[in-house]
Amino acid sequence: MRGAASCPAVGPLIDEATREGWSLDAERIACPVRIVWGTEDRLLPWPSAAARFRTEHLPHADWVELEGIGHCPQLDVPLETAQLILGFTAR
C-alpha cells in the first residue's frame, strides 16, 4: 500500500490522464469481465461510485458485491477474492 501511495509515477499519470481526457472505451473490451466491489468501500462508495460503470460502461460484466468489505478485497478477504478470480477465469 505504501509503495503504491508513494509511487513517483502516480502524479504524472493522473496529470496525463486529465490533460488528455482519458476515458473508458468499454466497447473495445472483448473478454469477459468480473467486477468485485466491497459495499464498505470508502474511497469509491457503493453503489454510487459504481452506478455509471454498471449501467453505462460495463452492463454485461459479472458484478459481485462483497458485504462489509472495503476498497481492497484482496487484503480484507484474500482467500475469497482468489476464489472469485479463479472461479471466473476457469470458465
PDB file of N, CA and C in Angstrom:
ATOM      1  N   MET A   1       0.828  -1.184   0.000  1.00  0.00           N
ATOM      2  CA  MET A   1       0.000   0.000   0.000  1.00  0.00           C
ATOM      3  C   MET A   1       0.876   1.253   0.000  1.00  0.00           C
ATOM      4  N   ARG A   2       1.899   1.243   0.842  1.00  0.00           N
ATOM      5  CA  ARG A   2       2.785   2.406   0.884  1.00  0.00           C
ATOM      6  C   ARG A   2       3.496   2.596  -0.444  1.00  0.00           C
ATOM      7  N   GLY A   3       3.895   1.487  -1.057  1.00  0.00           N
ATOM      8  CA  GLY A   3       4.578   1.562  -2.343  1.00  0.00           C
ATOM      9  C   GLY A   3       3.718   2.217  -3.408  1.00  0.00           C
ATOM     10  N   ALA A   4       2.455   1.823  -3.466  1.00  0.00           N
ATOM     11  CA  ALA A   4       1.552   2.417  -4.450  1.00  0.00           C
ATOM     12  C   ALA A   4       1.312   3.890  -4.155  1.00  0.00           C
ATOM     13  N   ALA A   5       1.153   4.207  -2.875  1.00  0.00           N
ATOM     14  CA  ALA A   5       0.887   5.594  -2.490  1.00  0.00           C
ATOM     15  C   ALA A   5       2.081   6.499  -2.733  1.00  0.00           C
ATOM     16  N   SER A   6       3.286   5.953  -2.629  1.00  0.00           N
ATOM     17  CA  SER A   6       4.475   6.801  -2.795  1.00  0.00           C
ATOM     18  C   SER A   6       5.104   6.689  -4.179  1.00  0.00           C
ATOM     19  N   CYS A   7       4.464   6.008  -5.091  1.00  0.00           N
ATOM     20  CA  CYS A   7       4.996   5.822  -6.435  1.00  0.00           C
ATOM     21  C   CYS A   7       5.145   7.179  -7.132  1.00  0.00           C
ATOM     22  N   PRO A   8       6.341   7.520  -7.598  1.00  0.00           N
ATOM     23  CA  PRO A   8       6.553   8.826  -8.232  1.00  0.00           C
ATOM     24  C   PRO A   8       5.833   8.968  -9.577  1.00  0.00           C
ATOM     25  N   ALA A   9       5.382   7.872 -10.163  1.00  0.00           N
ATOM     26  CA  ALA A   9       4.702   7.946 -11.455  1.00  0.00           C
ATOM     27  C   ALA A   9       3.218   8.286 -11.339  1.00  0.00           C
ATOM     28  N   VAL A  10       2.645   8.181 -10.148  1.00  0.00           N
ATOM     29  CA  VAL A  10       1.209   8.399  -9.989  1.00  0.00           C
ATOM     30  C   VAL A  10       0.804   9.822 -10.380  1.00  0.00           C
ATOM     31  N   GLY A  11       1.517  10.819  -9.873  1.00  0.00           N
ATOM     32  CA  GLY A  11       1.189  12.217 -10.196  1.00  0.00           C
ATOM     33  C   GLY A  11       1.216  12.487 -11.689  1.00  0.00           C
ATOM     34  N   PRO A  12       2.318  12.154 -12.375  1.00  0.00           N
ATOM     35  CA  PRO A  12       2.361  12.366 -13.822  1.00  0.00           C
ATOM     36  C   PRO A  12       1.287  11.580 -14.581  1.00  0.00           C
ATOM     37  N   LEU A  13       0.988  10.372 -14.126  1.00  0.00           N
ATOM     38  CA  LEU A  13      -0.050   9.579 -14.778  1.00  0.00           C
ATOM     39  C   LEU A  13      -1.410  10.259 -14.666  1.00  0.00           C
ATOM     40  N   ILE A  14      -1.734  10.738 -13.485  1.00  0.00           N
ATOM     41  CA  ILE A  14      -3.009  11.428 -13.287  1.00  0.00           C
ATOM     42  C   ILE A  14      -3.049  12.715 -14.101  1.00  0.00           C
ATOM     43  N   ASP A  15      -1.953  13.454 -14.121  1.00  0.00           N
ATOM     44  CA  ASP A  15      -1.880  14.684 -14.924  1.00  0.00           C
ATOM     45  C   ASP A  15      -2.119  14.382 -16.401  1.00  0.00           C
ATOM     46  N   GLU A  16      -1.463  13.351 -16.913  1.00  0.00           N
ATOM     47  CA  GLU A  16      -1.616  12.964 -18.324  1.00  0.00           C
ATOM     48  C   GLU A  16      -3.051  12.546 -18.617  1.00  0.00           C
ATOM     49  N   ALA A  17      -3.623  11.746 -17.747  1.00  0.00           N
ATOM     50  CA  ALA A  17      -4.998  11.297 -17.950  1.00  0.00           C
ATOM     51  C   ALA A  17      -5.968  12.465 -17.961  1.00  0.00           C
ATOM     52  N   THR A  18      -5.754  13.414 -17.074  1.00  0.00           N
ATOM     53  CA  THR A  18      -6.621  14.590 -17.006  1.00  0.00           C
ATOM     54  C   THR A  18      -6.448  15.467 -18.240  1.00  0.00           C
ATOM     55  N   ARG A  19      -5.209  15.710 -18.599  1.00  0.00           N
ATOM     56  CA  ARG A  19      -4.904  16.578 -19.740  1.00  0.00           C
ATOM     57  C   ARG A  19      -5.419  15.984 -21.048  1.00  0.00           C
ATOM     58  N   GLU A  20      -5.265  14.686 -21.217  1.00  0.00           N
ATOM     59  CA  GLU A  20      -5.644  14.021 -22.462  1.00  0.00           C
ATOM     60  C   GLU A  20      -7.101  13.548 -22.475  1.00  0.00           C
ATOM     61  N   GLY A  21      -7.767  13.676 -21.328  1.00  0.00           N
ATOM     62  CA  GLY A  21      -9.173  13.277 -21.257  1.00  0.00           C
ATOM     63  C   GLY A  21      -9.380  11.775 -21.411  1.00  0.00           C
ATOM     64  N   TRP A  22      -8.508  11.004 -20.763  1.00  0.00           N
ATOM     65  CA  TRP A  22      -8.650   9.552 -20.835  1.00  0.00           C
ATOM     66  C   TRP A  22     -10.039   9.140 -20.374  1.00  0.00           C
ATOM     67  N   SER A  23     -10.573   8.162 -21.026  1.00  0.00           N
ATOM     68  CA  SER A  23     -11.866   7.630 -20.607  1.00  0.00           C
ATOM     69  C   SER A  23     -11.904   6.130 -20.912  1.00  0.00           C
ATOM     70  N   LEU A  24     -12.859   5.475 -20.354  1.00  0.00           N
ATOM     71  CA  LEU A  24     -13.020   4.048 -20.559  1.00  0.00           C
ATOM     72  C   LEU A  24     -13.690   3.819 -21.909  1.00  0.00           C
ATOM     73  N   ASP A  25     -13.053   3.060 -22.770  1.00  0.00           N
ATOM     74  CA  ASP A  25     -13.627   2.693 -24.058  1.00  0.00           C
ATOM     75  C   ASP A  25     -14.145   1.266 -23.937  1.00  0.00           C
ATOM     76  N   ALA A  26     -15.252   1.127 -23.236  1.00  0.00           N
ATOM     77  CA  ALA A  26     -15.788  -0.193 -22.903  1.00  0.00           C
ATOM     78  C   ALA A  26     -16.168  -1.008 -24.132  1.00  0.00           C
ATOM     79  N   GLU A  27     -16.479  -0.357 -25.221  1.00  0.00           N
ATOM     80  CA  GLU A  27     -16.860  -1.090 -26.428  1.00  0.00           C
ATOM     81  C   GLU A  27     -15.705  -1.927 -26.977  1.00  0.00           C
ATOM     82  N   ARG A  28     -14.482  -1.570 -26.630  1.00  0.00           N
ATOM     83  CA  ARG A  28     -13.316  -2.307 -27.111  1.00  0.00           C
ATOM     84  C   ARG A  28     -12.991  -3.521 -26.238  1.00  0.00           C
ATOM     85  N   ILE A  29     -13.663  -3.667 -25.126  1.00  0.00           N
ATOM     86  CA  ILE A  29     -13.408  -4.803 -24.236  1.00  0.00           C
ATOM     87  C   ILE A  29     -14.135  -6.012 -24.802  1.00  0.00           C
ATOM     88  N   ALA A  30     -13.357  -7.001 -25.228  1.00  0.00           N
ATOM     89  CA  ALA A  30     -13.935  -8.164 -25.894  1.00  0.00           C
ATOM     90  C   ALA A  30     -13.919  -9.424 -25.031  1.00  0.00           C
ATOM     91  N   CYS A  31     -13.350  -9.329 -23.855  1.00  0.00           N
ATOM     92  CA  CYS A  31     -13.259 -10.512 -22.991  1.00  0.00           C
ATOM     93  C   CYS A  31     -14.270 -10.397 -21.847  1.00  0.00           C
ATOM     94  N   PRO A  32     -14.590 -11.515 -21.205  1.00  0.00           N
ATOM     95  CA  PRO A  32     -15.475 -11.458 -20.037  1.00  0.00           C
ATOM     96  C   PRO A  32     -14.834 -10.617 -18.927  1.00  0.00           C
ATOM     97  N   VAL A  33     -15.674  -9.897 -18.200  1.00  0.00           N
ATOM     98  CA  VAL A  33     -15.204  -9.010 -17.128  1.00  0.00           C
ATOM     99  C   VAL A  33     -15.980  -9.307 -15.854  1.00  0.00           C
ATOM    100  N   ARG A  34     -15.266  -9.411 -14.754  1.00  0.00           N
ATOM    101  CA  ARG A  34     -15.901  -9.538 -13.442  1.00  0.00           C
ATOM    102  C   ARG A  34     -15.474  -8.339 -12.610  1.00  0.00           C
ATOM    103  N   ILE A  35     -16.427  -7.654 -12.027  1.00  0.00           N
ATOM    104  CA  ILE A  35     -16.169  -6.532 -11.129  1.00  0.00           C
ATOM    105  C   ILE A  35     -16.510  -6.999  -9.718  1.00  0.00           C
ATOM    106  N   VAL A  36     -15.553  -6.862  -8.808  1.00  0.00           N
ATOM    107  CA  VAL A  36     -15.775  -7.210  -7.406  1.00  0.00           C
ATOM    108  C   VAL A  36     -15.680  -5.917  -6.611  1.00  0.00           C
ATOM    109  N   TRP A  37     -16.752  -5.561  -5.888  1.00  0.00           N
ATOM    110  CA  TRP A  37     -16.814  -4.287  -5.198  1.00  0.00           C
ATOM    111  C   TRP A  37     -17.252  -4.503  -3.755  1.00  0.00           C
ATOM    112  N   GLY A  38     -16.509  -3.945  -2.831  1.00  0.00           N
ATOM    113  CA  GLY A  38     -16.873  -4.024  -1.425  1.00  0.00           C
ATOM    114  C   GLY A  38     -17.927  -2.991  -1.071  1.00  0.00           C
ATOM    115  N   THR A  39     -18.953  -3.414  -0.350  1.00  0.00           N
ATOM    116  CA  THR A  39     -20.038  -2.493  -0.006  1.00  0.00           C
ATOM    117  C   THR A  39     -19.614  -1.451   1.030  1.00  0.00           C
ATOM    118  N   GLU A  40     -18.476  -1.661   1.676  1.00  0.00           N
ATOM    119  CA  GLU A  40     -17.978  -0.696   2.660  1.00  0.00           C
ATOM    120  C   GLU A  40     -16.770   0.084   2.129  1.00  0.00           C
ATOM    121  N   ASP A  41     -16.630   0.164   0.806  1.00  0.00           N
ATOM    122  CA  ASP A  41     -15.543   0.913   0.171  1.00  0.00           C
ATOM    123  C   ASP A  41     -15.747   2.398   0.467  1.00  0.00           C
ATOM    124  N   ARG A  42     -14.782   3.014   1.146  1.00  0.00           N
ATOM    125  CA  ARG A  42     -14.892   4.438   1.483  1.00  0.00           C
ATOM    126  C   ARG A  42     -14.216   5.320   0.447  1.00  0.00           C
ATOM    127  N   LEU A  43     -13.381   4.747  -0.427  1.00  0.00           N
ATOM    128  CA  LEU A  43     -12.765   5.532  -1.499  1.00  0.00           C
ATOM    129  C   LEU A  43     -13.700   5.676  -2.686  1.00  0.00           C
ATOM    130  N   LEU A  44     -14.346   4.583  -3.047  1.00  0.00           N
ATOM    131  CA  LEU A  44     -15.322   4.553  -4.140  1.00  0.00           C
ATOM    132  C   LEU A  44     -16.600   3.944  -3.569  1.00  0.00           C
ATOM    133  N   PRO A  45     -17.414   4.771  -2.906  1.00  0.00           N
ATOM    134  CA  PRO A  45     -18.574   4.257  -2.160  1.00  0.00           C
ATOM    135  C   PRO A  45     -19.581   3.501  -3.033  1.00  0.00           C
ATOM    136  N   TRP A  46     -19.976   2.360  -2.504  1.00  0.00           N
ATOM    137  CA  TRP A  46     -21.009   1.545  -3.132  1.00  0.00           C
ATOM    138  C   TRP A  46     -22.365   2.069  -2.729  1.00  0.00           C
ATOM    139  N   PRO A  47     -23.330   2.169  -3.587  1.00  0.00           N
ATOM    140  CA  PRO A  47     -23.326   1.851  -5.005  1.00  0.00           C
ATOM    141  C   PRO A  47     -23.100   3.070  -5.901  1.00  0.00           C
ATOM    142  N   SER A  48     -23.028   4.266  -5.311  1.00  0.00           N
ATOM    143  CA  SER A  48     -22.968   5.480  -6.136  1.00  0.00           C
ATOM    144  C   SER A  48     -21.775   5.525  -7.074  1.00  0.00           C
ATOM    145  N   ALA A  49     -20.596   5.132  -6.614  1.00  0.00           N
ATOM    146  CA  ALA A  49     -19.408   5.191  -7.465  1.00  0.00           C
ATOM    147  C   ALA A  49     -19.463   4.155  -8.585  1.00  0.00           C
ATOM    148  N   ALA A  50     -20.195   3.095  -8.392  1.00  0.00           N
ATOM    149  CA  ALA A  50     -20.267   2.029  -9.391  1.00  0.00           C
ATOM    150  C   ALA A  50     -21.365   2.251 -10.413  1.00  0.00           C
ATOM    151  N   ALA A  51     -22.294   3.131 -10.128  1.00  0.00           N
ATOM    152  CA  ALA A  51     -23.504   3.261 -10.947  1.00  0.00           C
ATOM    153  C   ALA A  51     -23.211   3.454 -12.431  1.00  0.00           C
ATOM    154  N   ARG A  52     -22.343   4.382 -12.780  1.00  0.00           N
ATOM    155  CA  ARG A  52     -22.106   4.638 -14.208  1.00  0.00           C
ATOM    156  C   ARG A  52     -21.415   3.463 -14.898  1.00  0.00           C
ATOM    157  N   PHE A  53     -20.555   2.752 -14.161  1.00  0.00           N
ATOM    158  CA  PHE A  53     -19.904   1.589 -14.755  1.00  0.00           C
ATOM    159  C   PHE A  53     -20.911   0.456 -14.954  1.00  0.00           C
ATOM    160  N   ARG A  54     -21.777   0.319 -13.993  1.00  0.00           N
ATOM    161  CA  ARG A  54     -22.751  -0.776 -14.032  1.00  0.00           C
ATOM    162  C   ARG A  54     -23.820  -0.553 -15.094  1.00  0.00           C
ATOM    163  N   THR A  55     -24.223   0.681 -15.302  1.00  0.00           N
ATOM    164  CA  THR A  55     -25.303   0.945 -16.249  1.00  0.00           C
ATOM    165  C   THR A  55     -24.815   1.407 -17.623  1.00  0.00           C
ATOM    166  N   GLU A  56     -23.726   2.176 -17.663  1.00  0.00           N
ATOM    167  CA  GLU A  56     -23.276   2.744 -18.937  1.00  0.00           C
ATOM    168  C   GLU A  56     -22.099   2.003 -19.567  1.00  0.00           C
ATOM    169  N   HIS A  57     -21.068   1.766 -18.781  1.00  0.00           N
ATOM    170  CA  HIS A  57     -19.819   1.262 -19.343  1.00  0.00           C
ATOM    171  C   HIS A  57     -19.727  -0.259 -19.421  1.00  0.00           C
ATOM    172  N   LEU A  58     -20.086  -0.937 -18.368  1.00  0.00           N
ATOM    173  CA  LEU A  58     -19.898  -2.392 -18.307  1.00  0.00           C
ATOM    174  C   LEU A  58     -21.167  -3.119 -17.859  1.00  0.00           C
ATOM    175  N   PRO A  59     -22.288  -2.881 -18.556  1.00  0.00           N
ATOM    176  CA  PRO A  59     -23.539  -3.510 -18.109  1.00  0.00           C
ATOM    177  C   PRO A  59     -23.536  -5.024 -18.234  1.00  0.00           C
ATOM    178  N   HIS A  60     -22.672  -5.581 -19.089  1.00  0.00           N
ATOM    179  CA  HIS A  60     -22.635  -7.032 -19.274  1.00  0.00           C
ATOM    180  C   HIS A  60     -21.606  -7.716 -18.377  1.00  0.00           C
ATOM    181  N   ALA A  61     -20.937  -6.928 -17.550  1.00  0.00           N
ATOM    182  CA  ALA A  61     -19.947  -7.516 -16.635  1.00  0.00           C
ATOM    183  C   ALA A  61     -20.652  -8.352 -15.573  1.00  0.00           C
ATOM    184  N   ASP A  62     -19.913  -9.290 -15.050  1.00  0.00           N
ATOM    185  CA  ASP A  62     -20.373 -10.094 -13.927  1.00  0.00           C
ATOM    186  C   ASP A  62     -20.041  -9.291 -12.667  1.00  0.00           C
ATOM    187  N   TRP A  63     -21.050  -8.832 -11.948  1.00  0.00           N
ATOM    188  CA  TRP A  63     -20.847  -7.983 -10.765  1.00  0.00           C
ATOM    189  C   TRP A  63     -20.986  -8.800  -9.496  1.00  0.00           C
ATOM    190  N   VAL A  64     -20.012  -8.631  -8.594  1.00  0.00           N
ATOM    191  CA  VAL A  64     -20.043  -9.303  -7.297  1.00  0.00           C
ATOM    192  C   VAL A  64     -19.881  -8.242  -6.221  1.00  0.00           C
ATOM    193  N   GLU A  65     -20.849  -8.143  -5.330  1.00  0.00           N
ATOM    194  CA  GLU A  65     -20.751  -7.218  -4.201  1.00  0.00           C
ATOM    195  C   GLU A  65     -20.374  -8.016  -2.961  1.00  0.00           C
ATOM    196  N   LEU A  66     -19.342  -7.550  -2.265  1.00  0.00           N
ATOM    197  CA  LEU A  66     -18.909  -8.214  -1.041  1.00  0.00           C
ATOM    198  C   LEU A  66     -19.366  -7.389   0.154  1.00  0.00           C
ATOM    199  N   GLU A  67     -20.342  -7.917   0.873  1.00  0.00           N
ATOM    200  CA  GLU A  67     -20.911  -7.228   2.032  1.00  0.00           C
ATOM    201  C   GLU A  67     -19.856  -7.005   3.114  1.00  0.00           C
ATOM    202  N   GLY A  68     -19.780  -5.766   3.586  1.00  0.00           N
ATOM    203  CA  GLY A  68     -18.906  -5.428   4.697  1.00  0.00           C
ATOM    204  C   GLY A  68     -17.429  -5.331   4.354  1.00  0.00           C
ATOM    205  N   ILE A  69     -17.085  -5.407   3.082  1.00  0.00           N
ATOM    206  CA  ILE A  69     -15.691  -5.371   2.649  1.00  0.00           C
ATOM    207  C   ILE A  69     -15.380  -3.985   2.094  1.00  0.00           C
ATOM    208  N   GLY A  70     -14.143  -3.542   2.304  1.00  0.00           N
ATOM    209  CA  GLY A  70     -13.724  -2.209   1.883  1.00  0.00           C
ATOM    210  C   GLY A  70     -13.148  -2.163   0.479  1.00  0.00           C
ATOM    211  N   HIS A  71     -12.270  -1.186   0.246  1.00  0.00           N
ATOM    212  CA  HIS A  71     -11.736  -0.887  -1.075  1.00  0.00           C
ATOM    213  C   HIS A  71     -10.803  -1.978  -1.614  1.00  0.00           C
ATOM    214  N   CYS A  72     -10.176  -2.735  -0.755  1.00  0.00           N
ATOM    215  CA  CYS A  72      -9.185  -3.735  -1.179  1.00  0.00           C
ATOM    216  C   CYS A  72      -9.591  -5.134  -0.735  1.00  0.00           C
ATOM    217  N   PRO A  73     -10.516  -5.763  -1.452  1.00  0.00           N
ATOM    218  CA  PRO A  73     -10.935  -7.103  -1.047  1.00  0.00           C
ATOM    219  C   PRO A  73      -9.775  -8.088  -0.995  1.00  0.00           C
ATOM    220  N   GLN A  74      -8.757  -7.873  -1.828  1.00  0.00           N
ATOM    221  CA  GLN A  74      -7.613  -8.787  -1.831  1.00  0.00           C
ATOM    222  C   GLN A  74      -6.858  -8.736  -0.513  1.00  0.00           C
ATOM    223  N   LEU A  75      -7.021  -7.664   0.247  1.00  0.00           N
ATOM    224  CA  LEU A  75      -6.409  -7.568   1.573  1.00  0.00           C
ATOM    225  C   LEU A  75      -7.389  -7.963   2.673  1.00  0.00           C
ATOM    226  N   ASP A  76      -8.657  -7.578   2.500  1.00  0.00           N
ATOM    227  CA  ASP A  76      -9.673  -7.869   3.523  1.00  0.00           C
ATOM    228  C   ASP A  76     -10.039  -9.348   3.569  1.00  0.00           C
ATOM    229  N   VAL A  77     -10.244  -9.944   2.418  1.00  0.00           N
ATOM    230  CA  VAL A  77     -10.636 -11.356   2.332  1.00  0.00           C
ATOM    231  C   VAL A  77      -9.857 -12.022   1.187  1.00  0.00           C
ATOM    232  N   PRO A  78      -8.567 -12.254   1.399  1.00  0.00           N
ATOM    233  CA  PRO A  78      -7.727 -12.744   0.298  1.00  0.00           C
ATOM    234  C   PRO A  78      -8.158 -14.098  -0.272  1.00  0.00           C
ATOM    235  N   LEU A  79      -8.581 -15.028   0.556  1.00  0.00           N
ATOM    236  CA  LEU A  79      -8.982 -16.341   0.057  1.00  0.00           C
ATOM    237  C   LEU A  79     -10.239 -16.235  -0.799  1.00  0.00           C
ATOM    238  N   GLU A  80     -11.219 -15.503  -0.307  1.00  0.00           N
ATOM    239  CA  GLU A  80     -12.461 -15.337  -1.067  1.00  0.00           C
ATOM    240  C   GLU A  80     -12.195 -14.611  -2.388  1.00  0.00           C
ATOM    241  N   THR A  81     -11.337 -13.603  -2.356  1.00  0.00           N
ATOM    242  CA  THR A  81     -11.000 -12.868  -3.573  1.00  0.00           C
ATOM    243  C   THR A  81     -10.325 -13.792  -4.584  1.00  0.00           C
ATOM    244  N   ALA A  82      -9.376 -14.589  -4.125  1.00  0.00           N
ATOM    245  CA  ALA A  82      -8.698 -15.537  -5.011  1.00  0.00           C
ATOM    246  C   ALA A  82      -9.692 -16.530  -5.602  1.00  0.00           C
ATOM    247  N   GLN A  83     -10.636 -16.999  -4.805  1.00  0.00           N
ATOM    248  CA  GLN A  83     -11.638 -17.940  -5.294  1.00  0.00           C
ATOM    249  C   GLN A  83     -12.534 -17.283  -6.345  1.00  0.00           C
ATOM    250  N   LEU A  84     -12.867 -16.005  -6.143  1.00  0.00           N
ATOM    251  CA  LEU A  84     -13.685 -15.290  -7.117  1.00  0.00           C
ATOM    252  C   LEU A  84     -12.942 -15.136  -8.439  1.00  0.00           C
ATOM    253  N   ILE A  85     -11.658 -14.875  -8.380  1.00  0.00           N
ATOM    254  CA  ILE A  85     -10.845 -14.736  -9.603  1.00  0.00           C
ATOM    255  C   ILE A  85     -10.712 -16.096 -10.292  1.00  0.00           C
ATOM    256  N   LEU A  86     -10.307 -17.102  -9.537  1.00  0.00           N
ATOM    257  CA  LEU A  86     -10.102 -18.428 -10.122  1.00  0.00           C
ATOM    258  C   LEU A  86     -11.391 -19.021 -10.683  1.00  0.00           C
ATOM    259  N   GLY A  87     -12.469 -18.835  -9.965  1.00  0.00           N
ATOM    260  CA  GLY A  87     -13.756 -19.348 -10.437  1.00  0.00           C
ATOM    261  C   GLY A  87     -14.203 -18.688 -11.729  1.00  0.00           C
ATOM    262  N   PHE A  88     -13.921 -17.416 -11.858  1.00  0.00           N
ATOM    263  CA  PHE A  88     -14.329 -16.686 -13.071  1.00  0.00           C
ATOM    264  C   PHE A  88     -13.427 -17.028 -14.246  1.00  0.00           C
ATOM    265  N   THR A  89     -12.129 -17.117 -14.005  1.00  0.00           N
ATOM    266  CA  THR A  89     -11.205 -17.391 -15.105  1.00  0.00           C
ATOM    267  C   THR A  89     -11.227 -18.849 -15.532  1.00  0.00           C
ATOM    268  N   ALA A  90     -11.791 -19.729 -14.732  1.00  0.00           N
ATOM    269  CA  ALA A  90     -11.860 -21.143 -15.088  1.00  0.00           C
ATOM    270  C   ALA A  90     -12.976 -21.446 -16.082  1.00  0.00           C
ATOM    271  N   ARG A  91     -13.839 -20.480 -16.314  1.00  0.00           N
ATOM    272  CA  ARG A  91     -14.979 -20.692 -17.238  1.00  0.00           C
ATOM    273  C   ARG A  91     -14.519 -20.915 -18.644  1.00  0.00           C
TER     274      ARG A  91
END
